[in-house]
Amino acid sequence: YRQAPGKQRELVASRTSGGSTNYADSVKGRFTISRDNAKNTVY
């Protein structure tokens, strides 16, 4: 998520355990979310 001053917190990108992803329209095509489950890390 992200929050700019004076703005509501908004979802930027999410990824489920099953690999489904969701992106805010404003970042589609520019941002990519990924997960490394072995490292318990999301990027």
ModelCIF file with pLDDT and N, C-alpha, C, O atoms, coordinates in Angstrom:
data_MODEL
#
_entry.id   MODEL 
#
_entity.id                         1 
_entity.type                       polymer 
_entity.pdbx_number_of_molecules   1 
#
_entity_poly.entity_id                      1 
_entity_poly.type                           'polypeptide(L)' 
_entity_poly.nstd_linkage                   no 
_entity_poly.nstd_monomer                   no 
_entity_poly.pdbx_seq_one_letter_code       YRQAPGKQRELVASRTSGGSTNYADSVKGRFTISRDNAKNTVY 
_entity_poly.pdbx_seq_one_letter_code_can   YRQAPGKQRELVASRTSGGSTNYADSVKGRFTISRDNAKNTVY 
_entity_poly.pdbx_strand_id                 A 
#
loop_
_entity_poly_seq.entity_id 
_entity_poly_seq.num 
_entity_poly_seq.mon_id 
_entity_poly_seq.hetero 
1 1  TYR n 
1 2  ARG n 
1 3  GLN n 
1 4  ALA n 
1 5  PRO n 
1 6  GLY n 
1 7  LYS n 
1 8  GLN n 
1 9  ARG n 
1 10 GLU n 
1 11 LEU n 
1 12 VAL n 
1 13 ALA n 
1 14 SER n 
1 15 ARG n 
1 16 THR n 
1 17 SER n 
1 18 GLY n 
1 19 GLY n 
1 20 SER n 
1 21 THR n 
1 22 ASN n 
1 23 TYR n 
1 24 ALA n 
1 25 ASP n 
1 26 SER n 
1 27 VAL n 
1 28 LYS n 
1 29 GLY n 
1 30 ARG n 
1 31 PHE n 
1 32 THR n 
1 33 ILE n 
1 34 SER n 
1 35 ARG n 
1 36 ASP n 
1 37 ASN n 
1 38 ALA n 
1 39 LYS n 
1 40 ASN n 
1 41 THR n 
1 42 VAL n 
1 43 TYR n 
#
_struct_asym.id          A 
_struct_asym.entity_id   1 
#
loop_
_ma_qa_metric.id 
_ma_qa_metric.mode 
_ma_qa_metric.name 
_ma_qa_metric.software_group_id 
_ma_qa_metric.type 
1 global pLDDT . pLDDT 
2 local  pLDDT . pLDDT 
#
_ma_qa_metric_global.metric_id      1 
_ma_qa_metric_global.metric_value   93.12 
_ma_qa_metric_global.model_id       1 
_ma_qa_metric_global.ordinal_id     1 
#
loop_
_ma_qa_metric_local.label_asym_id 
_ma_qa_metric_local.label_comp_id 
_ma_qa_metric_local.label_seq_id 
_ma_qa_metric_local.metric_id 
_ma_qa_metric_local.metric_value 
_ma_qa_metric_local.model_id 
_ma_qa_metric_local.ordinal_id 
A TYR 1  2 98.00 1 1  
A ARG 2  2 98.00 1 2  
A GLN 3  2 98.00 1 3  
A ALA 4  2 97.00 1 4  
A PRO 5  2 91.00 1 5  
A GLY 6  2 93.00 1 6  
A LYS 7  2 95.00 1 7  
A GLN 8  2 96.00 1 8  
A ARG 9  2 96.00 1 9  
A GLU 10 2 97.00 1 10 
A LEU 11 2 97.00 1 11 
A VAL 12 2 98.00 1 12 
A ALA 13 2 97.00 1 13 
A SER 14 2 95.00 1 14 
A ARG 15 2 91.00 1 15 
A THR 16 2 87.00 1 16 
A SER 17 2 82.00 1 17 
A GLY 18 2 83.00 1 18 
A GLY 19 2 85.00 1 19 
A SER 20 2 92.00 1 20 
A THR 21 2 95.00 1 21 
A ASN 22 2 96.00 1 22 
A TYR 23 2 98.00 1 23 
A ALA 24 2 98.00 1 24 
A ASP 25 2 98.00 1 25 
A SER 26 2 97.00 1 26 
A VAL 27 2 98.00 1 27 
A LYS 28 2 98.00 1 28 
A GLY 29 2 98.00 1 29 
A ARG 30 2 98.00 1 30 
A PHE 31 2 98.00 1 31 
A THR 32 2 98.00 1 32 
A ILE 33 2 96.00 1 33 
A SER 34 2 92.00 1 34 
A ARG 35 2 87.00 1 35 
A ASP 36 2 87.00 1 36 
A ASN 37 2 77.00 1 37 
A ALA 38 2 83.00 1 38 
A LYS 39 2 86.00 1 39 
A ASN 40 2 84.00 1 40 
A THR 41 2 90.00 1 41 
A VAL 42 2 91.00 1 42 
A TYR 43 2 95.00 1 43 
#
loop_
_atom_site.group_PDB 
_atom_site.id 
_atom_site.type_symbol 
_atom_site.label_atom_id 
_atom_site.label_alt_id 
_atom_site.label_comp_id 
_atom_site.label_asym_id 
_atom_site.label_entity_id 
_atom_site.label_seq_id 
_atom_site.pdbx_PDB_ins_code 
_atom_site.Cartn_x 
_atom_site.Cartn_y 
_atom_site.Cartn_z 
_atom_site.occupancy 
_atom_site.B_iso_or_equiv 
_atom_site.pdbx_formal_charge 
_atom_site.auth_seq_id 
_atom_site.auth_comp_id 
_atom_site.auth_asym_id 
_atom_site.auth_atom_id 
_atom_site.pdbx_PDB_model_num 
ATOM 1   N N  . TYR A 1 1  ? 0.852  -1.173  0.000   1.00 98.00 ? 1  TYR A N  1 
ATOM 2   C CA . TYR A 1 1  ? 0.000  0.000   0.000   1.00 98.00 ? 1  TYR A CA 1 
ATOM 3   C C  . TYR A 1 1  ? 0.891  1.226   0.000   1.00 98.00 ? 1  TYR A C  1 
ATOM 4   O O  . TYR A 1 1  ? 2.083  1.147   0.297   1.00 98.00 ? 1  TYR A O  1 
ATOM 5   N N  . ARG A 1 2  ? 0.306  2.343   -0.332  1.00 98.00 ? 2  ARG A N  1 
ATOM 6   C CA . ARG A 1 2  ? 1.041  3.589   -0.219  1.00 98.00 ? 2  ARG A CA 1 
ATOM 7   C C  . ARG A 1 2  ? 0.111  4.694   0.239   1.00 98.00 ? 2  ARG A C  1 
ATOM 8   O O  . ARG A 1 2  ? -1.100 4.643   0.024   1.00 98.00 ? 2  ARG A O  1 
ATOM 9   N N  . GLN A 1 3  ? 0.694  5.679   0.868   1.00 98.00 ? 3  GLN A N  1 
ATOM 10  C CA . GLN A 1 3  ? -0.071 6.805   1.346   1.00 98.00 ? 3  GLN A CA 1 
ATOM 11  C C  . GLN A 1 3  ? 0.727  8.085   1.163   1.00 98.00 ? 3  GLN A C  1 
ATOM 12  O O  . GLN A 1 3  ? 1.814  8.246   1.716   1.00 98.00 ? 3  GLN A O  1 
ATOM 13  N N  . ALA A 1 4  ? 0.172  8.975   0.386   1.00 97.00 ? 4  ALA A N  1 
ATOM 14  C CA . ALA A 1 4  ? 0.757  10.284  0.189   1.00 97.00 ? 4  ALA A CA 1 
ATOM 15  C C  . ALA A 1 4  ? 0.099  11.263  1.152   1.00 97.00 ? 4  ALA A C  1 
ATOM 16  O O  . ALA A 1 4  ? -1.025 11.032  1.596   1.00 97.00 ? 4  ALA A O  1 
ATOM 17  N N  . PRO A 1 5  ? 0.783  12.349  1.479   1.00 91.00 ? 5  PRO A N  1 
ATOM 18  C CA . PRO A 1 5  ? 0.202  13.335  2.392   1.00 91.00 ? 5  PRO A CA 1 
ATOM 19  C C  . PRO A 1 5  ? -1.160 13.821  1.917   1.00 91.00 ? 5  PRO A C  1 
ATOM 20  O O  . PRO A 1 5  ? -1.325 14.202  0.758   1.00 91.00 ? 5  PRO A O  1 
ATOM 21  N N  . GLY A 1 6  ? -2.123 13.805  2.816   1.00 93.00 ? 6  GLY A N  1 
ATOM 22  C CA . GLY A 1 6  ? -3.462 14.251  2.482   1.00 93.00 ? 6  GLY A CA 1 
ATOM 23  C C  . GLY A 1 6  ? -4.290 13.264  1.700   1.00 93.00 ? 6  GLY A C  1 
ATOM 24  O O  . GLY A 1 6  ? -5.421 13.566  1.321   1.00 93.00 ? 6  GLY A O  1 
ATOM 25  N N  . LYS A 1 7  ? -3.750 12.096  1.451   1.00 95.00 ? 7  LYS A N  1 
ATOM 26  C CA . LYS A 1 7  ? -4.448 11.084  0.678   1.00 95.00 ? 7  LYS A CA 1 
ATOM 27  C C  . LYS A 1 7  ? -4.722 9.850   1.531   1.00 95.00 ? 7  LYS A C  1 
ATOM 28  O O  . LYS A 1 7  ? -4.041 9.597   2.525   1.00 95.00 ? 7  LYS A O  1 
ATOM 29  N N  . GLN A 1 8  ? -5.724 9.096   1.126   1.00 96.00 ? 8  GLN A N  1 
ATOM 30  C CA . GLN A 1 8  ? -5.998 7.833   1.786   1.00 96.00 ? 8  GLN A CA 1 
ATOM 31  C C  . GLN A 1 8  ? -4.989 6.785   1.356   1.00 96.00 ? 8  GLN A C  1 
ATOM 32  O O  . GLN A 1 8  ? -4.436 6.836   0.257   1.00 96.00 ? 8  GLN A O  1 
ATOM 33  N N  . ARG A 1 9  ? -4.766 5.845   2.240   1.00 96.00 ? 9  ARG A N  1 
ATOM 34  C CA . ARG A 1 9  ? -3.909 4.739   1.894   1.00 96.00 ? 9  ARG A CA 1 
ATOM 35  C C  . ARG A 1 9  ? -4.567 3.918   0.787   1.00 96.00 ? 9  ARG A C  1 
ATOM 36  O O  . ARG A 1 9  ? -5.751 3.592   0.863   1.00 96.00 ? 9  ARG A O  1 
ATOM 37  N N  . GLU A 1 10 ? -3.804 3.597   -0.220  1.00 97.00 ? 10 GLU A N  1 
ATOM 38  C CA . GLU A 1 10 ? -4.345 2.854   -1.335  1.00 97.00 ? 10 GLU A CA 1 
ATOM 39  C C  . GLU A 1 10 ? -3.524 1.608   -1.614  1.00 97.00 ? 10 GLU A C  1 
ATOM 40  O O  . GLU A 1 10 ? -2.316 1.564   -1.382  1.00 97.00 ? 10 GLU A O  1 
ATOM 41  N N  . LEU A 1 11 ? -4.206 0.615   -2.111  1.00 97.00 ? 11 LEU A N  1 
ATOM 42  C CA . LEU A 1 11 ? -3.531 -0.614  -2.516  1.00 97.00 ? 11 LEU A CA 1 
ATOM 43  C C  . LEU A 1 11 ? -2.757 -0.362  -3.796  1.00 97.00 ? 11 LEU A C  1 
ATOM 44  O O  . LEU A 1 11 ? -3.299 0.147   -4.777  1.00 97.00 ? 11 LEU A O  1 
ATOM 45  N N  . VAL A 1 12 ? -1.502 -0.720  -3.774  1.00 98.00 ? 12 VAL A N  1 
ATOM 46  C CA . VAL A 1 12 ? -0.657 -0.597  -4.948  1.00 98.00 ? 12 VAL A CA 1 
ATOM 47  C C  . VAL A 1 12 ? -0.607 -1.912  -5.704  1.00 98.00 ? 12 VAL A C  1 
ATOM 48  O O  . VAL A 1 12 ? -0.840 -1.960  -6.912  1.00 98.00 ? 12 VAL A O  1 
ATOM 49  N N  . ALA A 1 13 ? -0.304 -2.963  -4.989  1.00 97.00 ? 13 ALA A N  1 
ATOM 50  C CA . ALA A 1 13 ? -0.185 -4.277  -5.600  1.00 97.00 ? 13 ALA A CA 1 
ATOM 51  C C  . ALA A 1 13 ? -0.322 -5.342  -4.528  1.00 97.00 ? 13 ALA A C  1 
ATOM 52  O O  . ALA A 1 13 ? 0.059  -5.129  -3.377  1.00 97.00 ? 13 ALA A O  1 
ATOM 53  N N  . SER A 1 14 ? -0.858 -6.471  -4.903  1.00 95.00 ? 14 SER A N  1 
ATOM 54  C CA . SER A 1 14 ? -0.981 -7.586  -3.984  1.00 95.00 ? 14 SER A CA 1 
ATOM 55  C C  . SER A 1 14 ? -0.750 -8.886  -4.721  1.00 95.00 ? 14 SER A C  1 
ATOM 56  O O  . SER A 1 14 ? -0.914 -8.980  -5.938  1.00 95.00 ? 14 SER A O  1 
ATOM 57  N N  . ARG A 1 15 ? -0.368 -9.880  -3.952  1.00 91.00 ? 15 ARG A N  1 
ATOM 58  C CA . ARG A 1 15 ? -0.130 -11.195 -4.520  1.00 91.00 ? 15 ARG A CA 1 
ATOM 59  C C  . ARG A 1 15 ? -0.547 -12.248 -3.503  1.00 91.00 ? 15 ARG A C  1 
ATOM 60  O O  . ARG A 1 15 ? -0.152 -12.200 -2.338  1.00 91.00 ? 15 ARG A O  1 
ATOM 61  N N  . THR A 1 16 ? -1.342 -13.187 -3.962  1.00 87.00 ? 16 THR A N  1 
ATOM 62  C CA . THR A 1 16 ? -1.815 -14.245 -3.091  1.00 87.00 ? 16 THR A CA 1 
ATOM 63  C C  . THR A 1 16 ? -0.840 -15.405 -3.088  1.00 87.00 ? 16 THR A C  1 
ATOM 64  O O  . THR A 1 16 ? 0.090  -15.463 -3.892  1.00 87.00 ? 16 THR A O  1 
ATOM 65  N N  . SER A 1 17 ? -1.074 -16.331 -2.163  1.00 82.00 ? 17 SER A N  1 
ATOM 66  C CA . SER A 1 17 ? -0.248 -17.531 -2.104  1.00 82.00 ? 17 SER A CA 1 
ATOM 67  C C  . SER A 1 17 ? -0.342 -18.325 -3.400  1.00 82.00 ? 17 SER A C  1 
ATOM 68  O O  . SER A 1 17 ? 0.611  -18.992 -3.804  1.00 82.00 ? 17 SER A O  1 
ATOM 69  N N  . GLY A 1 18 ? -1.494 -18.245 -4.042  1.00 83.00 ? 18 GLY A N  1 
ATOM 70  C CA . GLY A 1 18 ? -1.695 -18.952 -5.284  1.00 83.00 ? 18 GLY A CA 1 
ATOM 71  C C  . GLY A 1 18 ? -1.107 -18.277 -6.500  1.00 83.00 ? 18 GLY A C  1 
ATOM 72  O O  . GLY A 1 18 ? -1.136 -18.840 -7.594  1.00 83.00 ? 18 GLY A O  1 
ATOM 73  N N  . GLY A 1 19 ? -0.576 -17.086 -6.330  1.00 85.00 ? 19 GLY A N  1 
ATOM 74  C CA . GLY A 1 19 ? 0.081  -16.395 -7.420  1.00 85.00 ? 19 GLY A CA 1 
ATOM 75  C C  . GLY A 1 19 ? -0.747 -15.335 -8.112  1.00 85.00 ? 19 GLY A C  1 
ATOM 76  O O  . GLY A 1 19 ? -0.260 -14.681 -9.034  1.00 85.00 ? 19 GLY A O  1 
ATOM 77  N N  . SER A 1 20 ? -1.981 -15.149 -7.692  1.00 92.00 ? 20 SER A N  1 
ATOM 78  C CA . SER A 1 20 ? -2.810 -14.113 -8.291  1.00 92.00 ? 20 SER A CA 1 
ATOM 79  C C  . SER A 1 20 ? -2.302 -12.740 -7.892  1.00 92.00 ? 20 SER A C  1 
ATOM 80  O O  . SER A 1 20 ? -1.904 -12.523 -6.747  1.00 92.00 ? 20 SER A O  1 
ATOM 81  N N  . THR A 1 21 ? -2.317 -11.824 -8.830  1.00 95.00 ? 21 THR A N  1 
ATOM 82  C CA . THR A 1 21 ? -1.840 -10.471 -8.569  1.00 95.00 ? 21 THR A CA 1 
ATOM 83  C C  . THR A 1 21 ? -2.917 -9.455  -8.881  1.00 95.00 ? 21 THR A C  1 
ATOM 84  O O  . THR A 1 21 ? -3.815 -9.694  -9.689  1.00 95.00 ? 21 THR A O  1 
ATOM 85  N N  . ASN A 1 22 ? -2.804 -8.326  -8.227  1.00 96.00 ? 22 ASN A N  1 
ATOM 86  C CA . ASN A 1 22 ? -3.719 -7.231  -8.449  1.00 96.00 ? 22 ASN A CA 1 
ATOM 87  C C  . ASN A 1 22 ? -2.931 -5.934  -8.343  1.00 96.00 ? 22 ASN A C  1 
ATOM 88  O O  . ASN A 1 22 ? -2.089 -5.777  -7.459  1.00 96.00 ? 22 ASN A O  1 
ATOM 89  N N  . TYR A 1 23 ? -3.211 -5.010  -9.252  1.00 98.00 ? 23 TYR A N  1 
ATOM 90  C CA . TYR A 1 23 ? -2.498 -3.744  -9.283  1.00 98.00 ? 23 TYR A CA 1 
ATOM 91  C C  . TYR A 1 23 ? -3.457 -2.584  -9.374  1.00 98.00 ? 23 TYR A C  1 
ATOM 92  O O  . TYR A 1 23 ? -4.523 -2.677  -9.982  1.00 98.00 ? 23 TYR A O  1 
ATOM 93  N N  . ALA A 1 24 ? -3.061 -1.502  -8.763  1.00 98.00 ? 24 ALA A N  1 
ATOM 94  C CA . ALA A 1 24 ? -3.788 -0.265  -8.967  1.00 98.00 ? 24 ALA A CA 1 
ATOM 95  C C  . ALA A 1 24 ? -3.632 0.170   -10.416 1.00 98.00 ? 24 ALA A C  1 
ATOM 96  O O  . ALA A 1 24 ? -2.581 -0.030  -11.024 1.00 98.00 ? 24 ALA A O  1 
ATOM 97  N N  . ASP A 1 25 ? -4.676 0.762   -10.961 1.00 98.00 ? 25 ASP A N  1 
ATOM 98  C CA . ASP A 1 25 ? -4.619 1.195   -12.355 1.00 98.00 ? 25 ASP A CA 1 
ATOM 99  C C  . ASP A 1 25 ? -3.452 2.145   -12.609 1.00 98.00 ? 25 ASP A C  1 
ATOM 100 O O  . ASP A 1 25 ? -2.864 2.141   -13.690 1.00 98.00 ? 25 ASP A O  1 
ATOM 101 N N  . SER A 1 26 ? -3.130 2.941   -11.627 1.00 97.00 ? 26 SER A N  1 
ATOM 102 C CA . SER A 1 26 ? -2.091 3.946   -11.797 1.00 97.00 ? 26 SER A CA 1 
ATOM 103 C C  . SER A 1 26 ? -0.690 3.364   -11.939 1.00 97.00 ? 26 SER A C  1 
ATOM 104 O O  . SER A 1 26 ? 0.224  4.052   -12.392 1.00 97.00 ? 26 SER A O  1 
ATOM 105 N N  . VAL A 1 27 ? -0.517 2.102   -11.557 1.00 98.00 ? 27 VAL A N  1 
ATOM 106 C CA . VAL A 1 27 ? 0.815  1.509   -11.602 1.00 98.00 ? 27 VAL A CA 1 
ATOM 107 C C  . VAL A 1 27 ? 0.913  0.334   -12.561 1.00 98.00 ? 27 VAL A C  1 
ATOM 108 O O  . VAL A 1 27 ? 1.999  -0.213  -12.753 1.00 98.00 ? 27 VAL A O  1 
ATOM 109 N N  . LYS A 1 28 ? -0.186 -0.057  -13.157 1.00 98.00 ? 28 LYS A N  1 
ATOM 110 C CA . LYS A 1 28 ? -0.164 -1.181  -14.085 1.00 98.00 ? 28 LYS A CA 1 
ATOM 111 C C  . LYS A 1 28 ? 0.803  -0.916  -15.227 1.00 98.00 ? 28 LYS A C  1 
ATOM 112 O O  . LYS A 1 28 ? 0.816  0.164   -15.818 1.00 98.00 ? 28 LYS A O  1 
ATOM 113 N N  . GLY A 1 29 ? 1.602  -1.912  -15.518 1.00 98.00 ? 29 GLY A N  1 
ATOM 114 C CA . GLY A 1 29 ? 2.588  -1.784  -16.568 1.00 98.00 ? 29 GLY A CA 1 
ATOM 115 C C  . GLY A 1 29 ? 3.906  -1.212  -16.110 1.00 98.00 ? 29 GLY A C  1 
ATOM 116 O O  . GLY A 1 29 ? 4.891  -1.251  -16.848 1.00 98.00 ? 29 GLY A O  1 
ATOM 117 N N  . ARG A 1 30 ? 3.940  -0.676  -14.894 1.00 98.00 ? 30 ARG A N  1 
ATOM 118 C CA . ARG A 1 30 ? 5.166  -0.085  -14.377 1.00 98.00 ? 30 ARG A CA 1 
ATOM 119 C C  . ARG A 1 30 ? 5.695  -0.816  -13.152 1.00 98.00 ? 30 ARG A C  1 
ATOM 120 O O  . ARG A 1 30 ? 6.906  -0.941  -12.971 1.00 98.00 ? 30 ARG A O  1 
ATOM 121 N N  . PHE A 1 31 ? 4.787  -1.298  -12.315 1.00 98.00 ? 31 PHE A N  1 
ATOM 122 C CA . PHE A 1 31 ? 5.173  -1.977  -11.080 1.00 98.00 ? 31 PHE A CA 1 
ATOM 123 C C  . PHE A 1 31 ? 4.921  -3.470  -11.201 1.00 98.00 ? 31 PHE A C  1 
ATOM 124 O O  . PHE A 1 31 ? 3.992  -3.905  -11.881 1.00 98.00 ? 31 PHE A O  1 
ATOM 125 N N  . THR A 1 32 ? 5.748  -4.234  -10.543 1.00 98.00 ? 32 THR A N  1 
ATOM 126 C CA . THR A 1 32 ? 5.589  -5.676  -10.512 1.00 98.00 ? 32 THR A CA 1 
ATOM 127 C C  . THR A 1 32 ? 5.810  -6.186  -9.095  1.00 98.00 ? 32 THR A C  1 
ATOM 128 O O  . THR A 1 32 ? 6.826  -5.891  -8.466  1.00 98.00 ? 32 THR A O  1 
ATOM 129 N N  . ILE A 1 33 ? 4.851  -6.950  -8.607  1.00 96.00 ? 33 ILE A N  1 
ATOM 130 C CA . ILE A 1 33 ? 4.992  -7.563  -7.297  1.00 96.00 ? 33 ILE A CA 1 
ATOM 131 C C  . ILE A 1 33 ? 5.392  -9.020  -7.471  1.00 96.00 ? 33 ILE A C  1 
ATOM 132 O O  . ILE A 1 33 ? 4.893  -9.709  -8.360  1.00 96.00 ? 33 ILE A O  1 
ATOM 133 N N  . SER A 1 34 ? 6.277  -9.472  -6.634  1.00 92.00 ? 34 SER A N  1 
ATOM 134 C CA . SER A 1 34 ? 6.711  -10.859 -6.681  1.00 92.00 ? 34 SER A CA 1 
ATOM 135 C C  . SER A 1 34 ? 6.964  -11.359 -5.269  1.00 92.00 ? 34 SER A C  1 
ATOM 136 O O  . SER A 1 34 ? 7.152  -10.574 -4.340  1.00 92.00 ? 34 SER A O  1 
ATOM 137 N N  . ARG A 1 35 ? 6.964  -12.659 -5.127  1.00 87.00 ? 35 ARG A N  1 
ATOM 138 C CA . ARG A 1 35 ? 7.184  -13.272 -3.825  1.00 87.00 ? 35 ARG A CA 1 
ATOM 139 C C  . ARG A 1 35 ? 8.230  -14.360 -3.929  1.00 87.00 ? 35 ARG A C  1 
ATOM 140 O O  . ARG A 1 35 ? 8.277  -15.114 -4.901  1.00 87.00 ? 35 ARG A O  1 
ATOM 141 N N  . ASP A 1 36 ? 9.051  -14.426 -2.929  1.00 87.00 ? 36 ASP A N  1 
ATOM 142 C CA . ASP A 1 36 ? 9.987  -15.517 -2.768  1.00 87.00 ? 36 ASP A CA 1 
ATOM 143 C C  . ASP A 1 36 ? 9.585  -16.215 -1.479  1.00 87.00 ? 36 ASP A C  1 
ATOM 144 O O  . ASP A 1 36 ? 9.993  -15.813 -0.389  1.00 87.00 ? 36 ASP A O  1 
ATOM 145 N N  . ASN A 1 37 ? 8.784  -17.260 -1.614  1.00 77.00 ? 37 ASN A N  1 
ATOM 146 C CA . ASN A 1 37 ? 8.252  -17.926 -0.436  1.00 77.00 ? 37 ASN A CA 1 
ATOM 147 C C  . ASN A 1 37 ? 9.337  -18.580 0.408   1.00 77.00 ? 37 ASN A C  1 
ATOM 148 O O  . ASN A 1 37 ? 9.210  -18.667 1.630   1.00 77.00 ? 37 ASN A O  1 
ATOM 149 N N  . ALA A 1 38 ? 10.392 -19.034 -0.236  1.00 83.00 ? 38 ALA A N  1 
ATOM 150 C CA . ALA A 1 38 ? 11.486 -19.650 0.502   1.00 83.00 ? 38 ALA A CA 1 
ATOM 151 C C  . ALA A 1 38 ? 12.139 -18.654 1.445   1.00 83.00 ? 38 ALA A C  1 
ATOM 152 O O  . ALA A 1 38 ? 12.625 -19.029 2.512   1.00 83.00 ? 38 ALA A O  1 
ATOM 153 N N  . LYS A 1 39 ? 12.151 -17.397 1.056   1.00 86.00 ? 39 LYS A N  1 
ATOM 154 C CA . LYS A 1 39 ? 12.751 -16.348 1.867   1.00 86.00 ? 39 LYS A CA 1 
ATOM 155 C C  . LYS A 1 39 ? 11.720 -15.535 2.635   1.00 86.00 ? 39 LYS A C  1 
ATOM 156 O O  . LYS A 1 39 ? 12.068 -14.607 3.367   1.00 86.00 ? 39 LYS A O  1 
ATOM 157 N N  . ASN A 1 40 ? 10.450 -15.887 2.465   1.00 84.00 ? 40 ASN A N  1 
ATOM 158 C CA . ASN A 1 40 ? 9.360  -15.138 3.095   1.00 84.00 ? 40 ASN A CA 1 
ATOM 159 C C  . ASN A 1 40 ? 9.475  -13.646 2.803   1.00 84.00 ? 40 ASN A C  1 
ATOM 160 O O  . ASN A 1 40 ? 9.352  -12.804 3.693   1.00 84.00 ? 40 ASN A O  1 
ATOM 161 N N  . THR A 1 41 ? 9.709  -13.355 1.561   1.00 90.00 ? 41 THR A N  1 
ATOM 162 C CA . THR A 1 41 ? 9.951  -11.986 1.143   1.00 90.00 ? 41 THR A CA 1 
ATOM 163 C C  . THR A 1 41 ? 9.079  -11.628 -0.049  1.00 90.00 ? 41 THR A C  1 
ATOM 164 O O  . THR A 1 41 ? 8.889  -12.432 -0.962  1.00 90.00 ? 41 THR A O  1 
ATOM 165 N N  . VAL A 1 42 ? 8.560  -10.427 -0.028  1.00 91.00 ? 42 VAL A N  1 
ATOM 166 C CA . VAL A 1 42 ? 7.811  -9.899  -1.152  1.00 91.00 ? 42 VAL A CA 1 
ATOM 167 C C  . VAL A 1 42 ? 8.552  -8.682  -1.680  1.00 91.00 ? 42 VAL A C  1 
ATOM 168 O O  . VAL A 1 42 ? 9.140  -7.919  -0.913  1.00 91.00 ? 42 VAL A O  1 
ATOM 169 N N  . TYR A 1 43 ? 8.521  -8.509  -2.981  1.00 95.00 ? 43 TYR A N  1 
ATOM 170 C CA . TYR A 1 43 ? 9.223  -7.416  -3.626  1.00 95.00 ? 43 TYR A CA 1 
ATOM 171 C C  . TYR A 1 43 ? 8.248  -6.568  -4.425  1.00 95.00 ? 43 TYR A C  1 
ATOM 172 O O  . TYR A 1 43 ? 8.651  -5.586  -5.049  1.00 95.00 ? 43 TYR A O  1 
#
